[in-house]
Structures are given as structure tokens and as C-alpha cells.
Amino acid sequence: MKLTRRQKQILVQVYLRYDGNATLTSLARELSAYLNIPESTVKWNLRLLRDAGLIRAGSYKEKNVPVRLSKAGLLLAEKLVSLKVY
């Protein structure tokens, strides 16, 4: 899967700013305000990152699961930050 610029931006922001206590919905609200993009866009991209295995988060079946970077997501986010590609 190839990530879009927006997905890279969101992944890096999760890596840089997130403390690990928010659900997907509350994190989407937070990132939406910070990045000045619609909450629905952030939510959509967070779901895509979840489906790609880069983050772990709740779904309609699993409620109130905090968002976490997976090992692959952490490695990719670190690489993006070091290369300043986001």
C-alpha cells in the first residue's frame, strides 16, 4: 500500500503528538483541529491506517480501544520524521 501525503501527515502527528489515551474518534477530533482539516477526513484516513496495520484502534465491533502505533507504524513514522517527509 502506498500512503498519501495526508496519511503520512496524520501518521507522523500520531507519532509526535499523541499520548496514547484517546480513541479513534477523539483523536480524529484533536487532529482535525490541529491540522485544520475536516474531522471526517482525519477519521477516514485513521481507519485506512488501521486497516493497513500501521495503527491499532477500535472499530464498530470493538469500542473504546485507545489508538496505538503498531510496530510497523512506529518504524515508518520514525523514518518519515527523520527524512522530514510528511
Protein backbone atom coordinates (compact mmCIF):
# COMPACT_ATOMS: atom_id res chain seq x y z
CA MET A 1 0.00 0.00 0.00
CA LYS A 2 1.26 3.45 -0.86
CA LEU A 3 0.42 6.18 1.66
CA THR A 4 -0.87 9.54 0.54
CA ARG A 5 0.66 12.78 1.77
CA ARG A 6 -2.29 13.25 4.13
CA GLN A 7 -1.92 9.73 5.58
CA LYS A 8 1.79 10.32 6.16
CA GLN A 9 0.99 13.62 7.83
CA ILE A 10 -1.57 12.01 10.14
CA LEU A 11 0.71 9.07 10.97
CA VAL A 12 3.53 11.44 11.90
CA GLN A 13 1.22 13.57 14.04
CA VAL A 14 0.04 10.47 15.89
CA TYR A 15 3.71 9.65 16.49
CA LEU A 16 4.74 13.18 17.57
CA ARG A 17 1.73 14.46 19.50
CA TYR A 18 -0.32 11.59 20.78
CA ASP A 19 -0.14 10.42 24.40
CA GLY A 20 -1.92 7.08 23.92
CA ASN A 21 -5.15 7.78 25.78
CA ALA A 22 -7.60 8.73 23.03
CA THR A 23 -9.97 6.64 20.98
CA LEU A 24 -10.07 6.94 17.21
CA THR A 25 -12.96 9.42 17.35
CA SER A 26 -11.43 11.70 19.99
CA LEU A 27 -8.04 11.58 18.26
CA ALA A 28 -9.69 12.47 14.94
CA ARG A 29 -11.32 15.48 16.61
CA GLU A 30 -7.98 16.58 18.09
CA LEU A 31 -6.00 16.14 14.87
CA SER A 32 -8.72 17.83 12.84
CA ALA A 33 -8.38 20.99 14.91
CA TYR A 34 -4.58 20.86 14.89
CA LEU A 35 -4.21 20.18 11.14
CA ASN A 36 -7.19 22.34 10.16
CA ILE A 37 -8.81 19.61 8.05
CA PRO A 38 -12.30 18.11 8.35
CA GLU A 39 -12.79 15.57 11.12
CA SER A 40 -14.35 13.14 8.64
CA THR A 41 -11.17 13.26 6.53
CA VAL A 42 -8.99 12.52 9.54
CA LYS A 43 -11.28 9.69 10.65
CA TRP A 44 -11.31 8.17 7.17
CA ASN A 45 -7.51 8.23 7.00
CA LEU A 46 -7.11 6.85 10.53
CA ARG A 47 -9.33 3.94 9.51
CA LEU A 48 -7.20 3.36 6.41
CA LEU A 49 -4.04 3.41 8.56
CA ARG A 50 -5.72 0.92 10.91
CA ASP A 51 -6.69 -1.35 8.02
CA ALA A 52 -3.12 -1.16 6.69
CA GLY A 53 -1.83 -2.34 10.08
CA LEU A 54 0.03 0.88 10.90
CA ILE A 55 -2.10 1.75 13.91
CA ARG A 56 -4.23 -0.23 16.31
CA ALA A 57 -7.60 1.24 17.19
CA GLY A 58 -11.16 0.30 17.94
CA SER A 59 -13.80 -0.43 15.35
CA TYR A 60 -17.56 -0.71 15.27
CA LYS A 61 -17.13 -4.14 16.89
CA GLU A 62 -14.57 -3.03 19.49
CA LYS A 63 -15.43 0.21 21.28
CA ASN A 64 -13.22 2.44 23.44
CA VAL A 65 -9.90 0.96 22.32
CA PRO A 66 -7.12 3.58 22.52
CA VAL A 67 -5.16 4.30 19.36
CA ARG A 68 -1.62 2.91 19.30
CA LEU A 69 1.03 2.77 16.62
CA SER A 70 1.84 -0.78 15.58
CA LYS A 71 5.47 -1.78 15.31
CA ALA A 72 5.36 -1.18 11.55
CA GLY A 73 3.63 2.17 12.09
CA LEU A 74 6.23 3.22 14.63
CA LEU A 75 9.11 2.31 12.32
CA LEU A 76 7.54 4.11 9.38
CA ALA A 77 6.70 7.22 11.42
CA GLU A 78 10.26 7.40 12.76
CA LYS A 79 11.61 7.11 9.22
CA LEU A 80 9.25 9.81 7.91
CA VAL A 81 10.25 12.15 10.73
CA SER A 82 13.97 11.55 10.23
CA LEU A 83 13.64 12.21 6.49
CA LYS A 84 11.17 15.08 7.06
CA VAL A 85 8.81 13.51 4.50
CA TYR A 86 5.35 14.49 5.71
